[in-house]
C-alpha atoms as a PDB file:
ATOM      1  CA  UNK A   1     -21.844 -23.233   0.980  1.00  0.00           C
ATOM      2  CA  UNK A   2     -19.068 -24.826  -0.368  1.00  0.00           C
ATOM      3  CA  UNK A   3     -18.488 -23.797  -3.920  1.00  0.00           C
ATOM      4  CA  UNK A   4     -16.916 -25.350  -6.548  1.00  0.00           C
ATOM      5  CA  UNK A   5     -14.533 -24.192  -7.991  1.00  0.00           C
ATOM      6  CA  UNK A   6     -14.167 -26.234 -11.162  1.00  0.00           C
ATOM      7  CA  UNK A   7     -17.409 -25.294 -12.465  1.00  0.00           C
ATOM      8  CA  UNK A   8     -16.985 -22.277 -15.300  1.00  0.00           C
ATOM      9  CA  UNK A   9     -14.008 -20.646 -17.363  1.00  0.00           C
ATOM     10  CA  UNK A  10     -10.906 -22.068 -16.394  1.00  0.00           C
ATOM     11  CA  UNK A  11      -8.606 -19.405 -15.822  1.00  0.00           C
ATOM     12  CA  UNK A  12      -4.556 -19.221 -15.777  1.00  0.00           C
ATOM     13  CA  UNK A  13      -1.827 -16.812 -15.346  1.00  0.00           C
ATOM     14  CA  UNK A  14      -2.175 -13.343 -14.527  1.00  0.00           C
ATOM     15  CA  UNK A  15      -5.897 -13.680 -14.328  1.00  0.00           C
ATOM     16  CA  UNK A  16      -5.664 -16.241 -12.151  1.00  0.00           C
ATOM     17  CA  UNK A  17      -4.127 -14.577  -9.930  1.00  0.00           C
ATOM     18  CA  UNK A  18      -5.219 -11.068 -10.480  1.00  0.00           C
ATOM     19  CA  UNK A  19      -8.610 -13.244  -9.143  1.00  0.00           C
ATOM     20  CA  UNK A  20      -7.397 -13.972  -5.849  1.00  0.00           C
ATOM     21  CA  UNK A  21      -5.484 -10.836  -4.869  1.00  0.00           C
ATOM     22  CA  UNK A  22      -8.968  -9.354  -5.563  1.00  0.00           C
ATOM     23  CA  UNK A  23     -10.453 -12.535  -3.387  1.00  0.00           C
ATOM     24  CA  UNK A  24      -7.814 -11.589  -0.912  1.00  0.00           C
ATOM     25  CA  UNK A  25      -9.168  -8.192  -0.617  1.00  0.00           C
ATOM     26  CA  UNK A  26     -12.613  -8.351  -0.448  1.00  0.00           C
ATOM     27  CA  UNK A  27     -12.046 -11.195   2.131  1.00  0.00           C
ATOM     28  CA  UNK A  28     -10.062  -8.870   4.106  1.00  0.00           C
ATOM     29  CA  UNK A  29     -12.931  -5.889   3.930  1.00  0.00           C
ATOM     30  CA  UNK A  30     -15.358  -8.511   4.724  1.00  0.00           C
ATOM     31  CA  UNK A  31     -13.623 -10.331   8.009  1.00  0.00           C
ATOM     32  CA  UNK A  32     -10.841  -8.797   9.181  1.00  0.00           C
ATOM     33  CA  UNK A  33      -7.383  -9.644   8.758  1.00  0.00           C
ATOM     34  CA  UNK A  34      -7.520 -12.330  12.244  1.00  0.00           C
ATOM     35  CA  UNK A  35     -10.399 -14.081  10.377  1.00  0.00           C
ATOM     36  CA  UNK A  36      -8.877 -14.540   6.904  1.00  0.00           C
ATOM     37  CA  UNK A  37      -8.145 -17.940   5.881  1.00  0.00           C
ATOM     38  CA  UNK A  38      -6.737 -19.546   2.519  1.00  0.00           C
ATOM     39  CA  UNK A  39      -9.440 -21.105   2.370  1.00  0.00           C
ATOM     40  CA  UNK A  40     -11.985 -18.422   2.286  1.00  0.00           C
ATOM     41  CA  UNK A  41      -9.785 -16.780  -0.166  1.00  0.00           C
ATOM     42  CA  UNK A  42     -10.058 -20.023  -2.502  1.00  0.00           C
ATOM     43  CA  UNK A  43     -13.778 -20.396  -2.564  1.00  0.00           C
ATOM     44  CA  UNK A  44     -14.410 -16.303  -3.058  1.00  0.00           C
ATOM     45  CA  UNK A  45     -12.099 -16.447  -6.046  1.00  0.00           C
ATOM     46  CA  UNK A  46     -13.186 -19.947  -7.716  1.00  0.00           C
ATOM     47  CA  UNK A  47     -10.064 -21.936  -7.250  1.00  0.00           C
ATOM     48  CA  UNK A  48      -8.427 -24.682  -4.903  1.00  0.00           C
ATOM     49  CA  UNK A  49      -5.906 -23.921  -1.751  1.00  0.00           C
ATOM     50  CA  UNK A  50      -3.957 -25.357  -3.751  1.00  0.00           C
ATOM     51  CA  UNK A  51      -3.725 -22.751  -6.628  1.00  0.00           C
ATOM     52  CA  UNK A  52      -3.086 -20.416  -3.590  1.00  0.00           C
ATOM     53  CA  UNK A  53      -0.085 -22.385  -2.271  1.00  0.00           C
ATOM     54  CA  UNK A  54       1.706 -22.988  -5.461  1.00  0.00           C
ATOM     55  CA  UNK A  55       2.016 -19.026  -5.837  1.00  0.00           C
ATOM     56  CA  UNK A  56       2.132 -17.869  -2.174  1.00  0.00           C
ATOM     57  CA  UNK A  57       3.961 -19.576   1.581  1.00  0.00           C
ATOM     58  CA  UNK A  58       0.486 -18.601   3.118  1.00  0.00           C
ATOM     59  CA  UNK A  59      -2.429 -15.596   4.298  1.00  0.00           C
ATOM     60  CA  UNK A  60       0.378 -12.588   5.185  1.00  0.00           C
ATOM     61  CA  UNK A  61       2.748 -13.469   2.194  1.00  0.00           C
ATOM     62  CA  UNK A  62      -1.107 -13.195   0.037  1.00  0.00           C
ATOM     63  CA  UNK A  63      -2.253 -10.461   1.684  1.00  0.00           C
ATOM     64  CA  UNK A  64       1.196  -8.522   1.264  1.00  0.00           C
ATOM     65  CA  UNK A  65       0.722  -9.149  -2.090  1.00  0.00           C
ATOM     66  CA  UNK A  66      -2.924  -7.833  -2.807  1.00  0.00           C
ATOM     67  CA  UNK A  67      -2.255  -4.548  -0.785  1.00  0.00           C
ATOM     68  CA  UNK A  68       0.538  -3.475  -2.492  1.00  0.00           C
ATOM     69  CA  UNK A  69      -0.964  -5.105  -5.908  1.00  0.00           C
ATOM     70  CA  UNK A  70      -4.871  -3.848  -5.405  1.00  0.00           C
ATOM     71  CA  UNK A  71      -4.284  -1.425  -2.380  1.00  0.00           C
ATOM     72  CA  UNK A  72      -1.587   0.613  -2.297  1.00  0.00           C
ATOM     73  CA  UNK A  73      -0.628   1.718  -5.745  1.00  0.00           C
ATOM     74  CA  UNK A  74      -4.172   2.661  -6.427  1.00  0.00           C
ATOM     75  CA  UNK A  75      -3.572   6.167  -5.294  1.00  0.00           C
ATOM     76  CA  UNK A  76      -3.201   8.303  -8.041  1.00  0.00           C
ATOM     77  CA  UNK A  77      -0.025  10.951  -8.405  1.00  0.00           C
ATOM     78  CA  UNK A  78      -1.136  14.125  -8.380  1.00  0.00           C
ATOM     79  CA  UNK A  79      -0.274  16.344 -11.099  1.00  0.00           C
ATOM     80  CA  UNK A  80      -1.265  19.732 -10.087  1.00  0.00           C
ATOM     81  CA  UNK A  81       1.226  22.234 -11.394  1.00  0.00           C
ATOM     82  CA  UNK A  82       3.156  23.152  -8.286  1.00  0.00           C
ATOM     83  CA  UNK A  83       5.473  20.635  -6.051  1.00  0.00           C
ATOM     84  CA  UNK A  84       4.190  21.974  -2.861  1.00  0.00           C
ATOM     85  CA  UNK A  85       0.530  20.946  -4.138  1.00  0.00           C
ATOM     86  CA  UNK A  86       0.798  18.071  -4.904  1.00  0.00           C
ATOM     87  CA  UNK A  87       3.329  16.538  -1.894  1.00  0.00           C
ATOM     88  CA  UNK A  88      -0.337  17.682  -0.263  1.00  0.00           C
ATOM     89  CA  UNK A  89      -2.499  16.152  -2.452  1.00  0.00           C
ATOM     90  CA  UNK A  90      -0.452  12.982  -2.052  1.00  0.00           C
ATOM     91  CA  UNK A  91      -0.506  12.787   1.293  1.00  0.00           C
ATOM     92  CA  UNK A  92      -4.021  13.542   1.647  1.00  0.00           C
ATOM     93  CA  UNK A  93      -4.833  10.576   0.022  1.00  0.00           C
ATOM     94  CA  UNK A  94      -2.386   8.411   1.274  1.00  0.00           C
ATOM     95  CA  UNK A  95      -3.869   9.491   5.117  1.00  0.00           C
ATOM     96  CA  UNK A  96      -7.524   8.986   3.778  1.00  0.00           C
ATOM     97  CA  UNK A  97      -6.457   5.582   2.475  1.00  0.00           C
ATOM     98  CA  UNK A  98      -6.266   4.357   6.403  1.00  0.00           C
ATOM     99  CA  UNK A  99      -9.483   3.156   7.605  1.00  0.00           C
ATOM    100  CA  UNK A 100      -9.711   0.824   9.964  1.00  0.00           C
ATOM    101  CA  UNK A 101      -9.934  -2.063   8.191  1.00  0.00           C
ATOM    102  CA  UNK A 102      -6.446  -0.956   5.698  1.00  0.00           C
ATOM    103  CA  UNK A 103      -4.642  -0.139   9.884  1.00  0.00           C
ATOM    104  CA  UNK A 104      -6.435  -3.895  11.226  1.00  0.00           C
ATOM    105  CA  UNK A 105      -4.363  -5.466   8.128  1.00  0.00           C
ATOM    106  CA  UNK A 106      -1.482  -3.734   8.617  1.00  0.00           C
ATOM    107  CA  UNK A 107      -1.278  -4.405  12.170  1.00  0.00           C
ATOM    108  CA  UNK A 108      -1.716  -7.974  11.515  1.00  0.00           C
ATOM    109  CA  UNK A 109       0.936  -8.615   9.039  1.00  0.00           C
ATOM    110  CA  UNK A 110       3.191  -6.889  11.094  1.00  0.00           C
ATOM    111  CA  UNK A 111       1.809  -8.992  14.304  1.00  0.00           C
ATOM    112  CA  UNK A 112       2.703 -12.098  11.803  1.00  0.00           C
ATOM    113  CA  UNK A 113       6.150 -10.959  10.809  1.00  0.00           C
ATOM    114  CA  UNK A 114       7.485 -10.141  14.128  1.00  0.00           C
ATOM    115  CA  UNK A 115       9.185 -13.911  14.044  1.00  0.00           C
ATOM    116  CA  UNK A 116       9.254 -14.050  10.422  1.00  0.00           C
ATOM    117  CA  UNK A 117      12.402 -12.808   8.682  1.00  0.00           C
ATOM    118  CA  UNK A 118      11.801 -13.896   5.605  1.00  0.00           C
ATOM    119  CA  UNK A 119       7.883 -11.678   5.777  1.00  0.00           C
ATOM    120  CA  UNK A 120       9.341  -9.274   7.262  1.00  0.00           C
ATOM    121  CA  UNK A 121      12.247  -8.680   4.136  1.00  0.00           C
ATOM    122  CA  UNK A 122       9.190  -9.073   1.819  1.00  0.00           C
ATOM    123  CA  UNK A 123       7.396  -6.149   3.243  1.00  0.00           C
ATOM    124  CA  UNK A 124      11.077  -3.624   2.985  1.00  0.00           C
ATOM    125  CA  UNK A 125      11.074  -4.813  -0.254  1.00  0.00           C
ATOM    126  CA  UNK A 126       7.237  -4.408  -1.291  1.00  0.00           C
ATOM    127  CA  UNK A 127       7.472  -0.746   0.609  1.00  0.00           C
ATOM    128  CA  UNK A 128      11.300   0.261  -1.162  1.00  0.00           C
ATOM    129  CA  UNK A 129       9.364  -0.484  -4.742  1.00  0.00           C
ATOM    130  CA  UNK A 130       6.026   1.387  -3.859  1.00  0.00           C
ATOM    131  CA  UNK A 131       7.766   4.652  -2.654  1.00  0.00           C
ATOM    132  CA  UNK A 132      10.330   5.598  -5.035  1.00  0.00           C
ATOM    133  CA  UNK A 133       7.142   5.272  -7.457  1.00  0.00           C
ATOM    134  CA  UNK A 134       4.637   7.607  -5.861  1.00  0.00           C
ATOM    135  CA  UNK A 135       7.318  10.767  -5.961  1.00  0.00           C
ATOM    136  CA  UNK A 136       9.394  10.092  -8.616  1.00  0.00           C
ATOM    137  CA  UNK A 137       6.917  11.895 -10.905  1.00  0.00           C
ATOM    138  CA  UNK A 138       6.390  14.142  -8.455  1.00  0.00           C
ATOM    139  CA  UNK A 139       9.406  15.170  -7.702  1.00  0.00           C
ATOM    140  CA  UNK A 140      10.783  14.828 -11.586  1.00  0.00           C
ATOM    141  CA  UNK A 141       8.196  17.730 -13.109  1.00  0.00           C
ATOM    142  CA  UNK A 142       8.959  19.448 -10.046  1.00  0.00           C
ATOM    143  CA  UNK A 143      13.183  19.449 -10.848  1.00  0.00           C
ATOM    144  CA  UNK A 144      12.050  20.343 -14.389  1.00  0.00           C
ATOM    145  CA  UNK A 145       9.893  23.292 -13.216  1.00  0.00           C
ATOM    146  CA  UNK A 146      12.861  24.429 -11.526  1.00  0.00           C
ATOM    147  CA  UNK A 147      11.120  24.069  -7.829  1.00  0.00           C
ATOM    148  CA  UNK A 148      13.220  21.261  -7.179  1.00  0.00           C
ATOM    149  CA  UNK A 149      16.942  19.962  -6.951  1.00  0.00           C
ATOM    150  CA  UNK A 150      18.223  17.278  -8.894  1.00  0.00           C
ATOM    151  CA  UNK A 151      20.427  14.115  -7.343  1.00  0.00           C
ATOM    152  CA  UNK A 152      18.482  13.956  -4.043  1.00  0.00           C
ATOM    153  CA  UNK A 153      18.752  10.820  -2.394  1.00  0.00           C
ATOM    154  CA  UNK A 154      16.219   8.106  -2.284  1.00  0.00           C
ATOM    155  CA  UNK A 155      15.834   8.530   1.691  1.00  0.00           C
ATOM    156  CA  UNK A 156      15.158  12.939   0.522  1.00  0.00           C
ATOM    157  CA  UNK A 157      12.487  11.556  -1.820  1.00  0.00           C
ATOM    158  CA  UNK A 158      10.248   9.514   0.175  1.00  0.00           C
ATOM    159  CA  UNK A 159      10.487  10.921   3.144  1.00  0.00           C
ATOM    160  CA  UNK A 160       6.867  12.870   3.026  1.00  0.00           C
ATOM    161  CA  UNK A 161       5.597   9.048   2.686  1.00  0.00           C
ATOM    162  CA  UNK A 162       7.445   8.218   5.252  1.00  0.00           C
ATOM    163  CA  UNK A 163       6.444  11.050   8.201  1.00  0.00           C
ATOM    164  CA  UNK A 164       2.446  10.654   6.531  1.00  0.00           C
ATOM    165  CA  UNK A 165       2.710   6.568   7.429  1.00  0.00           C
ATOM    166  CA  UNK A 166       3.980   7.697  10.881  1.00  0.00           C
ATOM    167  CA  UNK A 167       1.215  10.163  11.361  1.00  0.00           C
ATOM    168  CA  UNK A 168      -1.092   7.246  10.132  1.00  0.00           C
ATOM    169  CA  UNK A 169      -0.189   5.361  12.911  1.00  0.00           C
ATOM    170  CA  UNK A 170      -0.508   8.485  15.878  1.00  0.00           C
ATOM    171  CA  UNK A 171      -4.112   9.138  14.541  1.00  0.00           C
ATOM    172  CA  UNK A 172      -5.567   5.489  14.485  1.00  0.00           C
ATOM    173  CA  UNK A 173      -8.440   4.549  15.969  1.00  0.00           C
ATOM    174  CA  UNK A 174      -9.285   8.819  16.481  1.00  0.00           C
ATOM    175  CA  UNK A 175     -10.180  11.410  13.783  1.00  0.00           C
ATOM    176  CA  UNK A 176      -7.835  11.121  10.654  1.00  0.00           C
ATOM    177  CA  UNK A 177      -4.427  13.051  10.399  1.00  0.00           C
ATOM    178  CA  UNK A 178      -5.829  16.899  10.010  1.00  0.00           C
ATOM    179  CA  UNK A 179      -4.636  19.280   6.860  1.00  0.00           C
ATOM    180  CA  UNK A 180      -2.095  21.349   9.047  1.00  0.00           C
ATOM    181  CA  UNK A 181      -0.158  18.440  10.382  1.00  0.00           C
ATOM    182  CA  UNK A 182       0.435  17.621   6.317  1.00  0.00           C
ATOM    183  CA  UNK A 183       0.948  21.145   6.114  1.00  0.00           C
ATOM    184  CA  UNK A 184       3.791  21.370   8.344  1.00  0.00           C
ATOM    185  CA  UNK A 185       5.420  17.826   7.162  1.00  0.00           C
ATOM    186  CA  UNK A 186       5.195  19.531   3.677  1.00  0.00           C
ATOM    187  CA  UNK A 187       6.389  23.440   4.839  1.00  0.00           C
ATOM    188  CA  UNK A 188       8.982  22.784   7.352  1.00  0.00           C
ATOM    189  CA  UNK A 189      10.100  19.589   7.003  1.00  0.00           C
ATOM    190  CA  UNK A 190      10.343  18.773   3.279  1.00  0.00           C
ATOM    191  CA  UNK A 191      10.221  21.973   0.816  1.00  0.00           C
ATOM    192  CA  UNK A 192      13.162  23.265   2.732  1.00  0.00           C
ATOM    193  CA  UNK A 193      15.095  19.930   1.743  1.00  0.00           C
ATOM    194  CA  UNK A 194      14.434  20.050  -1.243  1.00  0.00           C
ATOM    195  CA  UNK A 195      13.780  23.285  -3.163  1.00  0.00           C
ATOM    196  CA  UNK A 196      15.832  24.499  -6.257  1.00  0.00           C
END
């Protein structure tokens, strides 16, 4: 049944955008990436398709924004008092978020980005903003405690997240990334490179 988006209070700006992004995530969870449509998201958000197209060029663009704003950025950054424990906890939380539905979303967006340079650029930009944000606090606190040296290059600061994403893809469709693999990333690769 079609919902009349004109009924109910009129939302604008950030409130409307937030409702649309939440509707996109809910729609993804319910039907999967390939079945998501702008029309269904608009109905779920109780707005018009025109409101979506004023903000996003199409489905992949909207889904990327929804994923990075509401899904990927939701991971709490741990603060255990130990660099090793913080990075292990962050990698475990990241791996645990890689549900089949989330992987379906990622693969769908990447397939759409295959020939779309603008979409590829947007994905790279969003990842570039997200990764440092998650590792920044952990490394800043570790530097203050004398556990990590300062002035680390950006690629090294985000290395654990790059490596766990690779492992997530290897374990896609099977059991989750084992704790031993996460500990190897931290103990054998990351910590030797960043310790003070």
